[in-house]
Amino acid sequence: MQPKPLKNLNGEICQIYGDTVGVGPNSDVFVACNECVFPICRACYEYERKDGNQSCPQCKIRYKRHQG
């Protein structure tokens, strides 16, 4: 699977909650998984980190910590 270019992720829909994937604190597009770039919103990412499996729902690779 080829990762999507980051510039094309703005406006993507979270595949869990259905919300728009937004931008991070530095106006960068929020990317939870750097391996497969699975579109997930910040709220779902935070839930997965705190109460979930702490890994990407698509590729199952453990999430790295994000600043902010």
PDB file of N, CA and C in Angstrom:
ATOM      1  N   MET A   1       0.842  -1.188   0.000  1.00  0.00           N
ATOM      2  CA  MET A   1       0.000   0.000   0.000  1.00  0.00           C
ATOM      3  C   MET A   1       0.881   1.244   0.000  1.00  0.00           C
ATOM      4  N   GLN A   2       0.617   2.130  -0.893  1.00  0.00           N
ATOM      5  CA  GLN A   2       1.384   3.365  -1.041  1.00  0.00           C
ATOM      6  C   GLN A   2       0.778   4.456  -0.163  1.00  0.00           C
ATOM      7  N   PRO A   3       1.569   5.081   0.749  1.00  0.00           N
ATOM      8  CA  PRO A   3       1.015   6.167   1.565  1.00  0.00           C
ATOM      9  C   PRO A   3       0.564   7.335   0.701  1.00  0.00           C
ATOM     10  N   LYS A   4      -0.485   8.018   1.149  1.00  0.00           N
ATOM     11  CA  LYS A   4      -0.980   9.202   0.441  1.00  0.00           C
ATOM     12  C   LYS A   4      -0.050  10.373   0.710  1.00  0.00           C
ATOM     13  N   PRO A   5       0.162  11.232  -0.275  1.00  0.00           N
ATOM     14  CA  PRO A   5       0.943  12.442  -0.006  1.00  0.00           C
ATOM     15  C   PRO A   5       0.248  13.272   1.068  1.00  0.00           C
ATOM     16  N   LEU A   6       1.014  13.803   2.004  1.00  0.00           N
ATOM     17  CA  LEU A   6       0.437  14.551   3.122  1.00  0.00           C
ATOM     18  C   LEU A   6      -0.382  15.741   2.663  1.00  0.00           C
ATOM     19  N   LYS A   7       0.009  16.383   1.573  1.00  0.00           N
ATOM     20  CA  LYS A   7      -0.734  17.555   1.114  1.00  0.00           C
ATOM     21  C   LYS A   7      -2.147  17.190   0.674  1.00  0.00           C
ATOM     22  N   ASN A   8      -2.398  15.928   0.348  1.00  0.00           N
ATOM     23  CA  ASN A   8      -3.717  15.490  -0.089  1.00  0.00           C
ATOM     24  C   ASN A   8      -4.617  15.053   1.066  1.00  0.00           C
ATOM     25  N   LEU A   9      -4.119  15.075   2.293  1.00  0.00           N
ATOM     26  CA  LEU A   9      -4.907  14.601   3.428  1.00  0.00           C
ATOM     27  C   LEU A   9      -5.823  15.660   4.016  1.00  0.00           C
ATOM     28  N   ASN A  10      -5.569  16.932   3.752  1.00  0.00           N
ATOM     29  CA  ASN A  10      -6.416  17.977   4.318  1.00  0.00           C
ATOM     30  C   ASN A  10      -7.840  17.791   3.805  1.00  0.00           C
ATOM     31  N   GLY A  11      -8.787  17.655   4.706  1.00  0.00           N
ATOM     32  CA  GLY A  11     -10.168  17.436   4.319  1.00  0.00           C
ATOM     33  C   GLY A  11     -10.559  15.968   4.291  1.00  0.00           C
ATOM     34  N   GLU A  12      -9.613  15.059   4.574  1.00  0.00           N
ATOM     35  CA  GLU A  12      -9.933  13.635   4.650  1.00  0.00           C
ATOM     36  C   GLU A  12     -10.937  13.405   5.772  1.00  0.00           C
ATOM     37  N   ILE A  13     -11.691  12.343   5.663  1.00  0.00           N
ATOM     38  CA  ILE A  13     -12.677  11.992   6.676  1.00  0.00           C
ATOM     39  C   ILE A  13     -12.114  10.885   7.556  1.00  0.00           C
ATOM     40  N   CYS A  14     -12.234  11.060   8.868  1.00  0.00           N
ATOM     41  CA  CYS A  14     -11.800  10.055   9.833  1.00  0.00           C
ATOM     42  C   CYS A  14     -12.563   8.760   9.559  1.00  0.00           C
ATOM     43  N   GLN A  15     -11.850   7.668   9.426  1.00  0.00           N
ATOM     44  CA  GLN A  15     -12.463   6.390   9.092  1.00  0.00           C
ATOM     45  C   GLN A  15     -13.107   5.703  10.294  1.00  0.00           C
ATOM     46  N   ILE A  16     -13.007   6.299  11.476  1.00  0.00           N
ATOM     47  CA  ILE A  16     -13.644   5.737  12.671  1.00  0.00           C
ATOM     48  C   ILE A  16     -14.861   6.559  13.063  1.00  0.00           C
ATOM     49  N   TYR A  17     -14.682   7.847  13.228  1.00  0.00           N
ATOM     50  CA  TYR A  17     -15.738   8.717  13.750  1.00  0.00           C
ATOM     51  C   TYR A  17     -16.509   9.446  12.657  1.00  0.00           C
ATOM     52  N   GLY A  18     -15.877   9.643  11.510  1.00  0.00           N
ATOM     53  CA  GLY A  18     -16.531  10.341  10.408  1.00  0.00           C
ATOM     54  C   GLY A  18     -16.304  11.836  10.405  1.00  0.00           C
ATOM     55  N   ASP A  19     -15.496  12.340  11.337  1.00  0.00           N
ATOM     56  CA  ASP A  19     -15.184  13.761  11.411  1.00  0.00           C
ATOM     57  C   ASP A  19     -14.068  14.077  10.415  1.00  0.00           C
ATOM     58  N   THR A  20     -13.909  15.348  10.095  1.00  0.00           N
ATOM     59  CA  THR A  20     -12.837  15.763   9.198  1.00  0.00           C
ATOM     60  C   THR A  20     -11.502  15.686   9.928  1.00  0.00           C
ATOM     61  N   VAL A  21     -10.495  15.133   9.266  1.00  0.00           N
ATOM     62  CA  VAL A  21      -9.149  15.098   9.822  1.00  0.00           C
ATOM     63  C   VAL A  21      -8.601  16.506   9.713  1.00  0.00           C
ATOM     64  N   GLY A  22      -8.211  17.097  10.833  1.00  0.00           N
ATOM     65  CA  GLY A  22      -7.802  18.494  10.859  1.00  0.00           C
ATOM     66  C   GLY A  22      -6.310  18.694  10.784  1.00  0.00           C
ATOM     67  N   VAL A  23      -5.912  19.871  11.183  1.00  0.00           N
ATOM     68  CA  VAL A  23      -4.504  20.233  11.184  1.00  0.00           C
ATOM     69  C   VAL A  23      -3.989  20.236  12.611  1.00  0.00           C
ATOM     70  N   GLY A  24      -2.688  20.053  12.739  1.00  0.00           N
ATOM     71  CA  GLY A  24      -2.047  20.049  14.038  1.00  0.00           C
ATOM     72  C   GLY A  24      -1.758  21.454  14.522  1.00  0.00           C
ATOM     73  N   PRO A  25      -1.054  21.563  15.647  1.00  0.00           N
ATOM     74  CA  PRO A  25      -0.794  22.871  16.253  1.00  0.00           C
ATOM     75  C   PRO A  25       0.046  23.811  15.393  1.00  0.00           C
ATOM     76  N   ASN A  26       0.834  23.283  14.470  1.00  0.00           N
ATOM     77  CA  ASN A  26       1.676  24.119  13.607  1.00  0.00           C
ATOM     78  C   ASN A  26       1.082  24.274  12.217  1.00  0.00           C
ATOM     79  N   SER A  27      -0.223  24.092  12.085  1.00  0.00           N
ATOM     80  CA  SER A  27      -0.936  24.155  10.805  1.00  0.00           C
ATOM     81  C   SER A  27      -0.518  23.050   9.844  1.00  0.00           C
ATOM     82  N   ASP A  28       0.105  22.005  10.368  1.00  0.00           N
ATOM     83  CA  ASP A  28       0.429  20.835   9.566  1.00  0.00           C
ATOM     84  C   ASP A  28      -0.759  19.885   9.606  1.00  0.00           C
ATOM     85  N   VAL A  29      -0.976  19.143   8.538  1.00  0.00           N
ATOM     86  CA  VAL A  29      -2.048  18.157   8.512  1.00  0.00           C
ATOM     87  C   VAL A  29      -1.753  17.101   9.575  1.00  0.00           C
ATOM     88  N   PHE A  30      -2.753  16.782  10.405  1.00  0.00           N
ATOM     89  CA  PHE A  30      -2.561  15.799  11.464  1.00  0.00           C
ATOM     90  C   PHE A  30      -2.481  14.399  10.864  1.00  0.00           C
ATOM     91  N   VAL A  31      -1.385  13.702  11.136  1.00  0.00           N
ATOM     92  CA  VAL A  31      -1.188  12.331  10.673  1.00  0.00           C
ATOM     93  C   VAL A  31      -0.859  11.486  11.894  1.00  0.00           C
ATOM     94  N   ALA A  32      -1.746  10.557  12.234  1.00  0.00           N
ATOM     95  CA  ALA A  32      -1.529   9.712  13.403  1.00  0.00           C
ATOM     96  C   ALA A  32      -0.537   8.594  13.102  1.00  0.00           C
ATOM     97  N   CYS A  33      -0.670   7.956  11.946  1.00  0.00           N
ATOM     98  CA  CYS A  33       0.193   6.834  11.577  1.00  0.00           C
ATOM     99  C   CYS A  33       1.102   7.237  10.422  1.00  0.00           C
ATOM    100  N   ASN A  34       2.387   7.261  10.694  1.00  0.00           N
ATOM    101  CA  ASN A  34       3.349   7.621   9.658  1.00  0.00           C
ATOM    102  C   ASN A  34       3.641   6.467   8.704  1.00  0.00           C
ATOM    103  N   GLU A  35       3.174   5.279   9.022  1.00  0.00           N
ATOM    104  CA  GLU A  35       3.419   4.116   8.169  1.00  0.00           C
ATOM    105  C   GLU A  35       2.425   4.031   7.017  1.00  0.00           C
ATOM    106  N   CYS A  36       1.119   4.044   7.324  1.00  0.00           N
ATOM    107  CA  CYS A  36       0.110   3.866   6.274  1.00  0.00           C
ATOM    108  C   CYS A  36      -0.743   5.112   6.050  1.00  0.00           C
ATOM    109  N   VAL A  37      -0.584   6.136   6.895  1.00  0.00           N
ATOM    110  CA  VAL A  37      -1.288   7.412   6.794  1.00  0.00           C
ATOM    111  C   VAL A  37      -2.812   7.204   6.804  1.00  0.00           C
ATOM    112  N   PHE A  38      -3.274   6.255   7.623  1.00  0.00           N
ATOM    113  CA  PHE A  38      -4.704   5.991   7.769  1.00  0.00           C
ATOM    114  C   PHE A  38      -5.380   7.230   8.329  1.00  0.00           C
ATOM    115  N   PRO A  39      -6.432   7.752   7.662  1.00  0.00           N
ATOM    116  CA  PRO A  39      -7.074   8.981   8.132  1.00  0.00           C
ATOM    117  C   PRO A  39      -7.854   8.764   9.424  1.00  0.00           C
ATOM    118  N   ILE A  40      -7.416   9.436  10.471  1.00  0.00           N
ATOM    119  CA  ILE A  40      -8.055   9.357  11.779  1.00  0.00           C
ATOM    120  C   ILE A  40      -7.976  10.741  12.415  1.00  0.00           C
ATOM    121  N   CYS A  41      -9.062  11.187  13.030  1.00  0.00           N
ATOM    122  CA  CYS A  41      -9.072  12.521  13.640  1.00  0.00           C
ATOM    123  C   CYS A  41      -8.325  12.500  14.972  1.00  0.00           C
ATOM    124  N   ARG A  42      -8.015  13.669  15.466  1.00  0.00           N
ATOM    125  CA  ARG A  42      -7.260  13.806  16.705  1.00  0.00           C
ATOM    126  C   ARG A  42      -7.993  13.153  17.878  1.00  0.00           C
ATOM    127  N   ALA A  43      -9.327  13.307  17.944  1.00  0.00           N
ATOM    128  CA  ALA A  43     -10.106  12.728  19.049  1.00  0.00           C
ATOM    129  C   ALA A  43     -10.003  11.201  19.055  1.00  0.00           C
ATOM    130  N   CYS A  44     -10.103  10.581  17.902  1.00  0.00           N
ATOM    131  CA  CYS A  44      -9.993   9.116  17.825  1.00  0.00           C
ATOM    132  C   CYS A  44      -8.568   8.662  18.140  1.00  0.00           C
ATOM    133  N   TYR A  45      -7.586   9.428  17.677  1.00  0.00           N
ATOM    134  CA  TYR A  45      -6.191   9.115  17.990  1.00  0.00           C
ATOM    135  C   TYR A  45      -5.969   9.156  19.496  1.00  0.00           C
ATOM    136  N   GLU A  46      -6.464  10.217  20.147  1.00  0.00           N
ATOM    137  CA  GLU A  46      -6.297  10.348  21.599  1.00  0.00           C
ATOM    138  C   GLU A  46      -6.978   9.198  22.335  1.00  0.00           C
ATOM    139  N   TYR A  47      -8.166   8.806  21.875  1.00  0.00           N
ATOM    140  CA  TYR A  47      -8.861   7.674  22.493  1.00  0.00           C
ATOM    141  C   TYR A  47      -8.039   6.393  22.335  1.00  0.00           C
ATOM    142  N   GLU A  48      -7.550   6.142  21.132  1.00  0.00           N
ATOM    143  CA  GLU A  48      -6.751   4.934  20.888  1.00  0.00           C
ATOM    144  C   GLU A  48      -5.489   4.921  21.738  1.00  0.00           C
ATOM    145  N   ARG A  49      -4.860   6.088  21.906  1.00  0.00           N
ATOM    146  CA  ARG A  49      -3.642   6.170  22.729  1.00  0.00           C
ATOM    147  C   ARG A  49      -3.944   5.908  24.198  1.00  0.00           C
ATOM    148  N   LYS A  50      -5.082   6.433  24.689  1.00  0.00           N
ATOM    149  CA  LYS A  50      -5.388   6.338  26.121  1.00  0.00           C
ATOM    150  C   LYS A  50      -6.123   5.049  26.484  1.00  0.00           C
ATOM    151  N   ASP A  51      -7.194   4.724  25.761  1.00  0.00           N
ATOM    152  CA  ASP A  51      -8.070   3.624  26.149  1.00  0.00           C
ATOM    153  C   ASP A  51      -8.112   2.472  25.150  1.00  0.00           C
ATOM    154  N   GLY A  52      -7.528   2.661  23.993  1.00  0.00           N
ATOM    155  CA  GLY A  52      -7.606   1.633  22.951  1.00  0.00           C
ATOM    156  C   GLY A  52      -6.363   0.761  22.900  1.00  0.00           C
ATOM    157  N   ASN A  53      -6.047   0.293  21.709  1.00  0.00           N
ATOM    158  CA  ASN A  53      -4.916  -0.613  21.505  1.00  0.00           C
ATOM    159  C   ASN A  53      -3.582   0.097  21.351  1.00  0.00           C
ATOM    160  N   GLN A  54      -3.602   1.417  21.294  1.00  0.00           N
ATOM    161  CA  GLN A  54      -2.402   2.239  21.108  1.00  0.00           C
ATOM    162  C   GLN A  54      -1.708   1.939  19.787  1.00  0.00           C
ATOM    163  N   SER A  55      -2.500   1.522  18.794  1.00  0.00           N
ATOM    164  CA  SER A  55      -1.935   1.230  17.484  1.00  0.00           C
ATOM    165  C   SER A  55      -2.917   1.623  16.387  1.00  0.00           C
ATOM    166  N   CYS A  56      -2.406   1.741  15.189  1.00  0.00           N
ATOM    167  CA  CYS A  56      -3.208   2.129  14.033  1.00  0.00           C
ATOM    168  C   CYS A  56      -4.268   1.063  13.750  1.00  0.00           C
ATOM    169  N   PRO A  57      -5.528   1.462  13.577  1.00  0.00           N
ATOM    170  CA  PRO A  57      -6.584   0.490  13.290  1.00  0.00           C
ATOM    171  C   PRO A  57      -6.393  -0.241  11.958  1.00  0.00           C
ATOM    172  N   GLN A  58      -5.644   0.357  11.046  1.00  0.00           N
ATOM    173  CA  GLN A  58      -5.460  -0.268   9.736  1.00  0.00           C
ATOM    174  C   GLN A  58      -4.242  -1.182   9.692  1.00  0.00           C
ATOM    175  N   CYS A  59      -3.058  -0.655   9.997  1.00  0.00           N
ATOM    176  CA  CYS A  59      -1.835  -1.449   9.842  1.00  0.00           C
ATOM    177  C   CYS A  59      -1.346  -2.064  11.154  1.00  0.00           C
ATOM    178  N   LYS A  60      -1.962  -1.681  12.275  1.00  0.00           N
ATOM    179  CA  LYS A  60      -1.681  -2.245  13.606  1.00  0.00           C
ATOM    180  C   LYS A  60      -0.312  -1.886  14.164  1.00  0.00           C
ATOM    181  N   ILE A  61       0.382  -0.936  13.542  1.00  0.00           N
ATOM    182  CA  ILE A  61       1.674  -0.496  14.075  1.00  0.00           C
ATOM    183  C   ILE A  61       1.416   0.447  15.242  1.00  0.00           C
ATOM    184  N   ARG A  62       2.175   0.263  16.312  1.00  0.00           N
ATOM    185  CA  ARG A  62       2.010   1.068  17.522  1.00  0.00           C
ATOM    186  C   ARG A  62       2.256   2.543  17.207  1.00  0.00           C
ATOM    187  N   TYR A  63       1.364   3.406  17.729  1.00  0.00           N
ATOM    188  CA  TYR A  63       1.486   4.847  17.505  1.00  0.00           C
ATOM    189  C   TYR A  63       2.720   5.415  18.182  1.00  0.00           C
ATOM    190  N   LYS A  64       3.351   6.353  17.494  1.00  0.00           N
ATOM    191  CA  LYS A  64       4.424   7.142  18.097  1.00  0.00           C
ATOM    192  C   LYS A  64       3.779   8.343  18.758  1.00  0.00           C
ATOM    193  N   ARG A  65       4.436   8.897  19.739  1.00  0.00           N
ATOM    194  CA  ARG A  65       3.894  10.036  20.467  1.00  0.00           C
ATOM    195  C   ARG A  65       3.941  11.301  19.626  1.00  0.00           C
ATOM    196  N   HIS A  66       2.862  12.104  19.696  1.00  0.00           N
ATOM    197  CA  HIS A  66       2.780  13.393  19.010  1.00  0.00           C
ATOM    198  C   HIS A  66       2.925  14.508  20.033  1.00  0.00           C
ATOM    199  N   GLN A  67       3.547  15.598  19.628  1.00  0.00           N
ATOM    200  CA  GLN A  67       3.645  16.790  20.470  1.00  0.00           C
ATOM    201  C   GLN A  67       2.371  17.599  20.336  1.00  0.00           C
ATOM    202  N   GLY A  68       1.948  18.253  21.415  1.00  0.00           N
ATOM    203  CA  GLY A  68       0.828  19.181  21.340  1.00  0.00           C
ATOM    204  C   GLY A  68      -0.486  18.666  21.593  1.00  0.00           C
TER     205      GLY A  68
END
